[in-house]
Amino acid sequence: MEPVRIADIPLETLANETWEGTLRRLTADMDPWDSDVGELARRYREMLRAMHELRFEIPGRMVLTCSVLLRMKSDELLASARPRSEFIAELEEAVEEAAEE
């Protein structure tokens, strides 16, 4: 994705943009089923930096956007988590295999 250029975004759009609009803008070229949170955070940081350079007040909806993204990703990770006993068994097996080598 090209660096965020706040100057290319109409002032009225920035002033009235919802957190959903910000999220859509930052993820327009990302696969929704394979989102890279690190890349999204980088894009968001660049957008905030550009806004700060223009001396815009950073609204609370930006913080909301980050919290929603983090919540979505953590919910996804928790939903796909393996049971703890399965994870421990796999670790014990790996330790035993390493000890045999």
PDB file of N, CA and C in Angstrom:
ATOM      1  N   MET A   1       0.846  -1.177   0.000  1.00  0.00           N
ATOM      2  CA  MET A   1       0.000   0.000   0.000  1.00  0.00           C
ATOM      3  C   MET A   1       0.888   1.235   0.000  1.00  0.00           C
ATOM      4  N   GLU A   2       0.472   2.228  -0.749  1.00  0.00           N
ATOM      5  CA  GLU A   2       1.181   3.500  -0.774  1.00  0.00           C
ATOM      6  C   GLU A   2       1.106   4.139   0.607  1.00  0.00           C
ATOM      7  N   PRO A   3       2.106   4.933   0.972  1.00  0.00           N
ATOM      8  CA  PRO A   3       2.010   5.650   2.249  1.00  0.00           C
ATOM      9  C   PRO A   3       0.755   6.515   2.275  1.00  0.00           C
ATOM     10  N   VAL A   4       0.164   6.621   3.440  1.00  0.00           N
ATOM     11  CA  VAL A   4      -1.047   7.412   3.589  1.00  0.00           C
ATOM     12  C   VAL A   4      -0.703   8.876   3.369  1.00  0.00           C
ATOM     13  N   ARG A   5      -1.419   9.492   2.442  1.00  0.00           N
ATOM     14  CA  ARG A   5      -1.225  10.921   2.188  1.00  0.00           C
ATOM     15  C   ARG A   5      -2.495  11.639   2.606  1.00  0.00           C
ATOM     16  N   ILE A   6      -2.445  12.220   3.774  1.00  0.00           N
ATOM     17  CA  ILE A   6      -3.601  12.921   4.308  1.00  0.00           C
ATOM     18  C   ILE A   6      -4.021  14.043   3.367  1.00  0.00           C
ATOM     19  N   ALA A   7      -3.052  14.652   2.685  1.00  0.00           N
ATOM     20  CA  ALA A   7      -3.367  15.755   1.774  1.00  0.00           C
ATOM     21  C   ALA A   7      -4.282  15.314   0.634  1.00  0.00           C
ATOM     22  N   ASP A   8      -4.267  14.017   0.307  1.00  0.00           N
ATOM     23  CA  ASP A   8      -5.117  13.507  -0.767  1.00  0.00           C
ATOM     24  C   ASP A   8      -6.544  13.237  -0.311  1.00  0.00           C
ATOM     25  N   ILE A   9      -6.782  13.282   0.972  1.00  0.00           N
ATOM     26  CA  ILE A   9      -8.108  12.997   1.516  1.00  0.00           C
ATOM     27  C   ILE A   9      -8.793  14.324   1.813  1.00  0.00           C
ATOM     28  N   PRO A  10      -9.994  14.530   1.263  1.00  0.00           N
ATOM     29  CA  PRO A  10     -10.687  15.793   1.539  1.00  0.00           C
ATOM     30  C   PRO A  10     -10.878  16.010   3.038  1.00  0.00           C
ATOM     31  N   LEU A  11     -10.690  17.253   3.460  1.00  0.00           N
ATOM     32  CA  LEU A  11     -10.798  17.599   4.872  1.00  0.00           C
ATOM     33  C   LEU A  11     -12.152  17.202   5.446  1.00  0.00           C
ATOM     34  N   GLU A  12     -13.213  17.397   4.680  1.00  0.00           N
ATOM     35  CA  GLU A  12     -14.552  17.042   5.151  1.00  0.00           C
ATOM     36  C   GLU A  12     -14.654  15.541   5.409  1.00  0.00           C
ATOM     37  N   THR A  13     -14.037  14.751   4.548  1.00  0.00           N
ATOM     38  CA  THR A  13     -14.042  13.299   4.731  1.00  0.00           C
ATOM     39  C   THR A  13     -13.328  12.925   6.019  1.00  0.00           C
ATOM     40  N   LEU A  14     -12.164  13.505   6.253  1.00  0.00           N
ATOM     41  CA  LEU A  14     -11.410  13.204   7.474  1.00  0.00           C
ATOM     42  C   LEU A  14     -12.185  13.593   8.719  1.00  0.00           C
ATOM     43  N   ALA A  15     -12.804  14.744   8.679  1.00  0.00           N
ATOM     44  CA  ALA A  15     -13.511  15.245   9.857  1.00  0.00           C
ATOM     45  C   ALA A  15     -14.732  14.407  10.201  1.00  0.00           C
ATOM     46  N   ASN A  16     -15.356  13.814   9.190  1.00  0.00           N
ATOM     47  CA  ASN A  16     -16.602  13.077   9.418  1.00  0.00           C
ATOM     48  C   ASN A  16     -16.449  11.568   9.304  1.00  0.00           C
ATOM     49  N   GLU A  17     -15.242  11.092   9.102  1.00  0.00           N
ATOM     50  CA  GLU A  17     -15.040   9.663   8.898  1.00  0.00           C
ATOM     51  C   GLU A  17     -15.272   8.885  10.190  1.00  0.00           C
ATOM     52  N   THR A  18     -15.980   7.772  10.068  1.00  0.00           N
ATOM     53  CA  THR A  18     -16.218   6.895  11.212  1.00  0.00           C
ATOM     54  C   THR A  18     -15.035   5.942  11.355  1.00  0.00           C
ATOM     55  N   TRP A  19     -15.013   5.203  12.447  1.00  0.00           N
ATOM     56  CA  TRP A  19     -13.929   4.228  12.620  1.00  0.00           C
ATOM     57  C   TRP A  19     -14.012   3.150  11.551  1.00  0.00           C
ATOM     58  N   GLU A  20     -15.255   2.836  11.089  1.00  0.00           N
ATOM     59  CA  GLU A  20     -15.407   1.841  10.029  1.00  0.00           C
ATOM     60  C   GLU A  20     -14.772   2.339   8.726  1.00  0.00           C
ATOM     61  N   GLY A  21     -14.961   3.623   8.435  1.00  0.00           N
ATOM     62  CA  GLY A  21     -14.366   4.201   7.231  1.00  0.00           C
ATOM     63  C   GLY A  21     -12.851   4.169   7.281  1.00  0.00           C
ATOM     64  N   THR A  22     -12.309   4.483   8.438  1.00  0.00           N
ATOM     65  CA  THR A  22     -10.855   4.431   8.616  1.00  0.00           C
ATOM     66  C   THR A  22     -10.356   3.007   8.413  1.00  0.00           C
ATOM     67  N   LEU A  23     -11.064   2.056   8.988  1.00  0.00           N
ATOM     68  CA  LEU A  23     -10.680   0.651   8.847  1.00  0.00           C
ATOM     69  C   LEU A  23     -10.753   0.215   7.390  1.00  0.00           C
ATOM     70  N   ARG A  24     -11.809   0.598   6.684  1.00  0.00           N
ATOM     71  CA  ARG A  24     -11.934   0.249   5.262  1.00  0.00           C
ATOM     72  C   ARG A  24     -10.780   0.844   4.457  1.00  0.00           C
ATOM     73  N   ARG A  25     -10.441   2.088   4.735  1.00  0.00           N
ATOM     74  CA  ARG A  25      -9.354   2.749   4.007  1.00  0.00           C
ATOM     75  C   ARG A  25      -8.030   2.005   4.223  1.00  0.00           C
ATOM     76  N   LEU A  26      -7.748   1.626   5.459  1.00  0.00           N
ATOM     77  CA  LEU A  26      -6.470   0.994   5.781  1.00  0.00           C
ATOM     78  C   LEU A  26      -6.382  -0.453   5.319  1.00  0.00           C
ATOM     79  N   THR A  27      -7.523  -1.115   5.142  1.00  0.00           N
ATOM     80  CA  THR A  27      -7.517  -2.536   4.775  1.00  0.00           C
ATOM     81  C   THR A  27      -8.033  -2.784   3.368  1.00  0.00           C
ATOM     82  N   ALA A  28      -8.146  -1.749   2.554  1.00  0.00           N
ATOM     83  CA  ALA A  28      -8.746  -1.877   1.219  1.00  0.00           C
ATOM     84  C   ALA A  28      -8.077  -2.960   0.372  1.00  0.00           C
ATOM     85  N   ASP A  29      -6.778  -3.123   0.476  1.00  0.00           N
ATOM     86  CA  ASP A  29      -6.072  -4.099  -0.354  1.00  0.00           C
ATOM     87  C   ASP A  29      -5.669  -5.361   0.413  1.00  0.00           C
ATOM     88  N   MET A  30      -6.208  -5.551   1.610  1.00  0.00           N
ATOM     89  CA  MET A  30      -5.841  -6.711   2.429  1.00  0.00           C
ATOM     90  C   MET A  30      -6.887  -7.816   2.306  1.00  0.00           C
ATOM     91  N   ASP A  31      -6.429  -9.056   2.378  1.00  0.00           N
ATOM     92  CA  ASP A  31      -7.328 -10.204   2.395  1.00  0.00           C
ATOM     93  C   ASP A  31      -7.973 -10.272   3.775  1.00  0.00           C
ATOM     94  N   PRO A  32      -9.311 -10.185   3.848  1.00  0.00           N
ATOM     95  CA  PRO A  32      -9.955 -10.167   5.166  1.00  0.00           C
ATOM     96  C   PRO A  32      -9.767 -11.456   5.960  1.00  0.00           C
ATOM     97  N   TRP A  33      -9.454 -12.548   5.294  1.00  0.00           N
ATOM     98  CA  TRP A  33      -9.283 -13.826   5.998  1.00  0.00           C
ATOM     99  C   TRP A  33      -7.838 -14.067   6.388  1.00  0.00           C
ATOM    100  N   ASP A  34      -6.953 -13.204   5.940  1.00  0.00           N
ATOM    101  CA  ASP A  34      -5.536 -13.361   6.267  1.00  0.00           C
ATOM    102  C   ASP A  34      -4.932 -11.988   6.534  1.00  0.00           C
ATOM    103  N   SER A  35      -5.508 -11.271   7.490  1.00  0.00           N
ATOM    104  CA  SER A  35      -5.047  -9.911   7.769  1.00  0.00           C
ATOM    105  C   SER A  35      -3.786  -9.943   8.625  1.00  0.00           C
ATOM    106  N   ASP A  36      -2.870  -9.080   8.281  1.00  0.00           N
ATOM    107  CA  ASP A  36      -1.615  -8.947   9.013  1.00  0.00           C
ATOM    108  C   ASP A  36      -1.760  -7.770   9.972  1.00  0.00           C
ATOM    109  N   VAL A  37      -1.923  -8.064  11.252  1.00  0.00           N
ATOM    110  CA  VAL A  37      -2.144  -7.016  12.243  1.00  0.00           C
ATOM    111  C   VAL A  37      -0.933  -6.085  12.324  1.00  0.00           C
ATOM    112  N   GLY A  38       0.253  -6.614  12.146  1.00  0.00           N
ATOM    113  CA  GLY A  38       1.455  -5.785  12.171  1.00  0.00           C
ATOM    114  C   GLY A  38       1.454  -4.758  11.047  1.00  0.00           C
ATOM    115  N   GLU A  39       1.095  -5.197   9.848  1.00  0.00           N
ATOM    116  CA  GLU A  39       1.017  -4.282   8.709  1.00  0.00           C
ATOM    117  C   GLU A  39      -0.077  -3.245   8.925  1.00  0.00           C
ATOM    118  N   LEU A  40      -1.197  -3.682   9.455  1.00  0.00           N
ATOM    119  CA  LEU A  40      -2.300  -2.761   9.723  1.00  0.00           C
ATOM    120  C   LEU A  40      -1.892  -1.721  10.768  1.00  0.00           C
ATOM    121  N   ALA A  41      -1.187  -2.158  11.795  1.00  0.00           N
ATOM    122  CA  ALA A  41      -0.708  -1.222  12.819  1.00  0.00           C
ATOM    123  C   ALA A  41       0.276  -0.218  12.220  1.00  0.00           C
ATOM    124  N   ARG A  42       1.142  -0.682  11.312  1.00  0.00           N
ATOM    125  CA  ARG A  42       2.098   0.214  10.651  1.00  0.00           C
ATOM    126  C   ARG A  42       1.362   1.273   9.831  1.00  0.00           C
ATOM    127  N   ARG A  43       0.366   0.833   9.066  1.00  0.00           N
ATOM    128  CA  ARG A  43      -0.421   1.768   8.258  1.00  0.00           C
ATOM    129  C   ARG A  43      -1.137   2.781   9.146  1.00  0.00           C
ATOM    130  N   TYR A  44      -1.690   2.288  10.221  1.00  0.00           N
ATOM    131  CA  TYR A  44      -2.415   3.167  11.137  1.00  0.00           C
ATOM    132  C   TYR A  44      -1.463   4.186  11.763  1.00  0.00           C
ATOM    133  N   ARG A  45      -0.283   3.719  12.166  1.00  0.00           N
ATOM    134  CA  ARG A  45       0.715   4.611  12.752  1.00  0.00           C
ATOM    135  C   ARG A  45       1.128   5.687  11.744  1.00  0.00           C
ATOM    136  N   GLU A  46       1.314   5.295  10.475  1.00  0.00           N
ATOM    137  CA  GLU A  46       1.672   6.265   9.444  1.00  0.00           C
ATOM    138  C   GLU A  46       0.562   7.290   9.258  1.00  0.00           C
ATOM    139  N   MET A  47      -0.679   6.831   9.307  1.00  0.00           N
ATOM    140  CA  MET A  47      -1.804   7.747   9.161  1.00  0.00           C
ATOM    141  C   MET A  47      -1.845   8.735  10.326  1.00  0.00           C
ATOM    142  N   LEU A  48      -1.648   8.237  11.544  1.00  0.00           N
ATOM    143  CA  LEU A  48      -1.638   9.119  12.709  1.00  0.00           C
ATOM    144  C   LEU A  48      -0.488  10.117  12.641  1.00  0.00           C
ATOM    145  N   ARG A  49       0.674   9.635  12.197  1.00  0.00           N
ATOM    146  CA  ARG A  49       1.835  10.521  12.077  1.00  0.00           C
ATOM    147  C   ARG A  49       1.545  11.636  11.068  1.00  0.00           C
ATOM    148  N   ALA A  50       0.941  11.265   9.938  1.00  0.00           N
ATOM    149  CA  ALA A  50       0.606  12.269   8.923  1.00  0.00           C
ATOM    150  C   ALA A  50      -0.410  13.269   9.465  1.00  0.00           C
ATOM    151  N   MET A  51      -1.392  12.780  10.211  1.00  0.00           N
ATOM    152  CA  MET A  51      -2.390  13.678  10.789  1.00  0.00           C
ATOM    153  C   MET A  51      -1.737  14.607  11.815  1.00  0.00           C
ATOM    154  N   HIS A  52      -0.818  14.065  12.590  1.00  0.00           N
ATOM    155  CA  HIS A  52      -0.136  14.872  13.604  1.00  0.00           C
ATOM    156  C   HIS A  52       0.696  15.975  12.953  1.00  0.00           C
ATOM    157  N   GLU A  53       1.352  15.619  11.840  1.00  0.00           N
ATOM    158  CA  GLU A  53       2.162  16.611  11.140  1.00  0.00           C
ATOM    159  C   GLU A  53       1.309  17.770  10.648  1.00  0.00           C
ATOM    160  N   LEU A  54       0.055  17.491  10.325  1.00  0.00           N
ATOM    161  CA  LEU A  54      -0.849  18.552   9.884  1.00  0.00           C
ATOM    162  C   LEU A  54      -1.527  19.229  11.067  1.00  0.00           C
ATOM    163  N   ARG A  55      -1.142  18.812  12.274  1.00  0.00           N
ATOM    164  CA  ARG A  55      -1.665  19.373  13.517  1.00  0.00           C
ATOM    165  C   ARG A  55      -3.168  19.144  13.680  1.00  0.00           C
ATOM    166  N   PHE A  56      -3.631  18.006  13.204  1.00  0.00           N
ATOM    167  CA  PHE A  56      -5.016  17.619  13.449  1.00  0.00           C
ATOM    168  C   PHE A  56      -5.104  17.069  14.857  1.00  0.00           C
ATOM    169  N   GLU A  57      -6.203  17.278  15.485  1.00  0.00           N
ATOM    170  CA  GLU A  57      -6.442  16.643  16.774  1.00  0.00           C
ATOM    171  C   GLU A  57      -6.804  15.193  16.477  1.00  0.00           C
ATOM    172  N   ILE A  58      -6.137  14.268  17.160  1.00  0.00           N
ATOM    173  CA  ILE A  58      -6.399  12.854  16.905  1.00  0.00           C
ATOM    174  C   ILE A  58      -7.634  12.457  17.699  1.00  0.00           C
ATOM    175  N   PRO A  59      -8.719  12.139  17.005  1.00  0.00           N
ATOM    176  CA  PRO A  59      -9.975  11.858  17.700  1.00  0.00           C
ATOM    177  C   PRO A  59      -9.998  10.493  18.380  1.00  0.00           C
ATOM    178  N   GLY A  60     -10.910  10.373  19.329  1.00  0.00           N
ATOM    179  CA  GLY A  60     -11.068   9.128  20.071  1.00  0.00           C
ATOM    180  C   GLY A  60     -11.472   7.963  19.197  1.00  0.00           C
ATOM    181  N   ARG A  61     -12.087   8.239  18.045  1.00  0.00           N
ATOM    182  CA  ARG A  61     -12.504   7.123  17.185  1.00  0.00           C
ATOM    183  C   ARG A  61     -11.306   6.360  16.636  1.00  0.00           C
ATOM    184  N   MET A  62     -10.127   7.001  16.593  1.00  0.00           N
ATOM    185  CA  MET A  62      -8.929   6.293  16.164  1.00  0.00           C
ATOM    186  C   MET A  62      -8.540   5.241  17.207  1.00  0.00           C
ATOM    187  N   VAL A  63      -8.654   5.611  18.458  1.00  0.00           N
ATOM    188  CA  VAL A  63      -8.378   4.662  19.536  1.00  0.00           C
ATOM    189  C   VAL A  63      -9.400   3.535  19.485  1.00  0.00           C
ATOM    190  N   LEU A  64     -10.648   3.883  19.218  1.00  0.00           N
ATOM    191  CA  LEU A  64     -11.696   2.875  19.092  1.00  0.00           C
ATOM    192  C   LEU A  64     -11.381   1.910  17.960  1.00  0.00           C
ATOM    193  N   THR A  65     -10.911   2.427  16.835  1.00  0.00           N
ATOM    194  CA  THR A  65     -10.562   1.581  15.695  1.00  0.00           C
ATOM    195  C   THR A  65      -9.508   0.554  16.091  1.00  0.00           C
ATOM    196  N   CYS A  66      -8.475   0.996  16.781  1.00  0.00           N
ATOM    197  CA  CYS A  66      -7.419   0.072  17.219  1.00  0.00           C
ATOM    198  C   CYS A  66      -7.961  -0.980  18.172  1.00  0.00           C
ATOM    199  N   SER A  67      -8.803  -0.565  19.092  1.00  0.00           N
ATOM    200  CA  SER A  67      -9.326  -1.524  20.063  1.00  0.00           C
ATOM    201  C   SER A  67     -10.234  -2.546  19.392  1.00  0.00           C
ATOM    202  N   VAL A  68     -11.011  -2.117  18.402  1.00  0.00           N
ATOM    203  CA  VAL A  68     -11.879  -3.051  17.682  1.00  0.00           C
ATOM    204  C   VAL A  68     -11.039  -4.053  16.904  1.00  0.00           C
ATOM    205  N   LEU A  69      -9.985  -3.579  16.240  1.00  0.00           N
ATOM    206  CA  LEU A  69      -9.108  -4.482  15.492  1.00  0.00           C
ATOM    207  C   LEU A  69      -8.452  -5.507  16.406  1.00  0.00           C
ATOM    208  N   LEU A  70      -7.955  -5.043  17.527  1.00  0.00           N
ATOM    209  CA  LEU A  70      -7.316  -5.944  18.480  1.00  0.00           C
ATOM    210  C   LEU A  70      -8.310  -6.968  19.003  1.00  0.00           C
ATOM    211  N   ARG A  71      -9.520  -6.537  19.311  1.00  0.00           N
ATOM    212  CA  ARG A  71     -10.556  -7.438  19.814  1.00  0.00           C
ATOM    213  C   ARG A  71     -10.917  -8.488  18.767  1.00  0.00           C
ATOM    214  N   MET A  72     -11.068  -8.060  17.499  1.00  0.00           N
ATOM    215  CA  MET A  72     -11.408  -8.998  16.436  1.00  0.00           C
ATOM    216  C   MET A  72     -10.321 -10.057  16.278  1.00  0.00           C
ATOM    217  N   LYS A  73      -9.076  -9.628  16.282  1.00  0.00           N
ATOM    218  CA  LYS A  73      -7.969 -10.565  16.104  1.00  0.00           C
ATOM    219  C   LYS A  73      -7.860 -11.516  17.296  1.00  0.00           C
ATOM    220  N   SER A  74      -8.011 -11.005  18.515  1.00  0.00           N
ATOM    221  CA  SER A  74      -7.909 -11.872  19.691  1.00  0.00           C
ATOM    222  C   SER A  74      -9.079 -12.850  19.750  1.00  0.00           C
ATOM    223  N   ASP A  75     -10.276 -12.413  19.363  1.00  0.00           N
ATOM    224  CA  ASP A  75     -11.419 -13.330  19.314  1.00  0.00           C
ATOM    225  C   ASP A  75     -11.162 -14.452  18.319  1.00  0.00           C
ATOM    226  N   GLU A  76     -10.575 -14.099  17.172  1.00  0.00           N
ATOM    227  CA  GLU A  76     -10.261 -15.097  16.158  1.00  0.00           C
ATOM    228  C   GLU A  76      -9.229 -16.094  16.678  1.00  0.00           C
ATOM    229  N   LEU A  77      -8.202 -15.588  17.352  1.00  0.00           N
ATOM    230  CA  LEU A  77      -7.166 -16.469  17.889  1.00  0.00           C
ATOM    231  C   LEU A  77      -7.707 -17.378  18.989  1.00  0.00           C
ATOM    232  N   LEU A  78      -8.550 -16.834  19.854  1.00  0.00           N
ATOM    233  CA  LEU A  78      -9.126 -17.642  20.927  1.00  0.00           C
ATOM    234  C   LEU A  78     -10.058 -18.713  20.388  1.00  0.00           C
ATOM    235  N   ALA A  79     -10.780 -18.396  19.326  1.00  0.00           N
ATOM    236  CA  ALA A  79     -11.710 -19.361  18.742  1.00  0.00           C
ATOM    237  C   ALA A  79     -10.968 -20.535  18.107  1.00  0.00           C
ATOM    238  N   SER A  80      -9.758 -20.278  17.602  1.00  0.00           N
ATOM    239  CA  SER A  80      -9.011 -21.343  16.939  1.00  0.00           C
ATOM    240  C   SER A  80      -7.976 -21.999  17.858  1.00  0.00           C
ATOM    241  N   ALA A  81      -7.953 -21.623  19.122  1.00  0.00           N
ATOM    242  CA  ALA A  81      -6.961 -22.165  20.059  1.00  0.00           C
ATOM    243  C   ALA A  81      -7.227 -23.641  20.344  1.00  0.00           C
ATOM    244  N   ARG A  82      -6.127 -24.384  20.473  1.00  0.00           N
ATOM    245  CA  ARG A  82      -6.245 -25.801  20.814  1.00  0.00           C
ATOM    246  C   ARG A  82      -6.426 -25.948  22.315  1.00  0.00           C
ATOM    247  N   PRO A  83      -7.023 -27.063  22.725  1.00  0.00           N
ATOM    248  CA  PRO A  83      -7.133 -27.301  24.172  1.00  0.00           C
ATOM    249  C   PRO A  83      -5.736 -27.355  24.806  1.00  0.00           C
ATOM    250  N   ARG A  84      -5.644 -26.888  26.037  1.00  0.00           N
ATOM    251  CA  ARG A  84      -4.355 -26.808  26.727  1.00  0.00           C
ATOM    252  C   ARG A  84      -3.706 -28.188  26.854  1.00  0.00           C
ATOM    253  N   SER A  85      -4.500 -29.202  27.143  1.00  0.00           N
ATOM    254  CA  SER A  85      -3.943 -30.553  27.305  1.00  0.00           C
ATOM    255  C   SER A  85      -3.301 -31.040  26.008  1.00  0.00           C
ATOM    256  N   GLU A  86      -3.904 -30.725  24.877  1.00  0.00           N
ATOM    257  CA  GLU A  86      -3.342 -31.116  23.584  1.00  0.00           C
ATOM    258  C   GLU A  86      -2.010 -30.404  23.344  1.00  0.00           C
ATOM    259  N   PHE A  87      -1.947 -29.137  23.685  1.00  0.00           N
ATOM    260  CA  PHE A  87      -0.733 -28.349  23.522  1.00  0.00           C
ATOM    261  C   PHE A  87       0.389 -28.894  24.406  1.00  0.00           C
ATOM    262  N   ILE A  88       0.071 -29.226  25.668  1.00  0.00           N
ATOM    263  CA  ILE A  88       1.066 -29.758  26.606  1.00  0.00           C
ATOM    264  C   ILE A  88       1.580 -31.107  26.123  1.00  0.00           C
ATOM    265  N   ALA A  89       0.677 -31.957  25.640  1.00  0.00           N
ATOM    266  CA  ALA A  89       1.087 -33.266  25.134  1.00  0.00           C
ATOM    267  C   ALA A  89       2.045 -33.110  23.951  1.00  0.00           C
ATOM    268  N   GLU A  90       1.763 -32.178  23.077  1.00  0.00           N
ATOM    269  CA  GLU A  90       2.629 -31.937  21.925  1.00  0.00           C
ATOM    270  C   GLU A  90       4.003 -31.434  22.363  1.00  0.00           C
ATOM    271  N   LEU A  91       4.034 -30.558  23.356  1.00  0.00           N
ATOM    272  CA  LEU A  91       5.313 -30.066  23.878  1.00  0.00           C
ATOM    273  C   LEU A  91       6.121 -31.187  24.521  1.00  0.00           C
ATOM    274  N   GLU A  92       5.460 -32.037  25.319  1.00  0.00           N
ATOM    275  CA  GLU A  92       6.157 -33.153  25.961  1.00  0.00           C
ATOM    276  C   GLU A  92       6.737 -34.093  24.921  1.00  0.00           C
ATOM    277  N   GLU A  93       5.986 -34.346  23.864  1.00  0.00           N
ATOM    278  CA  GLU A  93       6.459 -35.216  22.796  1.00  0.00           C
ATOM    279  C   GLU A  93       7.685 -34.603  22.109  1.00  0.00           C
ATOM    280  N   ALA A  94       7.664 -33.312  21.870  1.00  0.00           N
ATOM    281  CA  ALA A  94       8.798 -32.639  21.234  1.00  0.00           C
ATOM    282  C   ALA A  94      10.034 -32.685  22.130  1.00  0.00           C
ATOM    283  N   VAL A  95       9.847 -32.537  23.442  1.00  0.00           N
ATOM    284  CA  VAL A  95      10.963 -32.598  24.387  1.00  0.00           C
ATOM    285  C   VAL A  95      11.558 -33.999  24.399  1.00  0.00           C
ATOM    286  N   GLU A  96      10.706 -35.024  24.393  1.00  0.00           N
ATOM    287  CA  GLU A  96      11.189 -36.410  24.379  1.00  0.00           C
ATOM    288  C   GLU A  96      11.975 -36.695  23.110  1.00  0.00           C
ATOM    289  N   GLU A  97      11.474 -36.223  21.968  1.00  0.00           N
ATOM    290  CA  GLU A  97      12.175 -36.435  20.701  1.00  0.00           C
ATOM    291  C   GLU A  97      13.530 -35.725  20.708  1.00  0.00           C
ATOM    292  N   ALA A  98      13.574 -34.531  21.263  1.00  0.00           N
ATOM    293  CA  ALA A  98      14.833 -33.786  21.326  1.00  0.00           C
ATOM    294  C   ALA A  98      15.830 -34.489  22.246  1.00  0.00           C
ATOM    295  N   ALA A  99      15.334 -35.092  23.324  1.00  0.00           N
ATOM    296  CA  ALA A  99      16.207 -35.791  24.268  1.00  0.00           C
ATOM    297  C   ALA A  99      16.793 -37.048  23.636  1.00  0.00           C
ATOM    298  N   GLU A 100      16.051 -37.690  22.742  1.00  0.00           N
ATOM    299  CA  GLU A 100      16.515 -38.911  22.087  1.00  0.00           C
ATOM    300  C   GLU A 100      17.613 -38.622  21.071  1.00  0.00           C
ATOM    301  N   GLU A 101      17.645 -37.409  20.554  1.00  0.00           N
ATOM    302  CA  GLU A 101      18.653 -37.055  19.536  1.00  0.00           C
ATOM    303  C   GLU A 101      19.933 -36.761  20.168  1.00  0.00           C
TER     304      GLU A 101
END
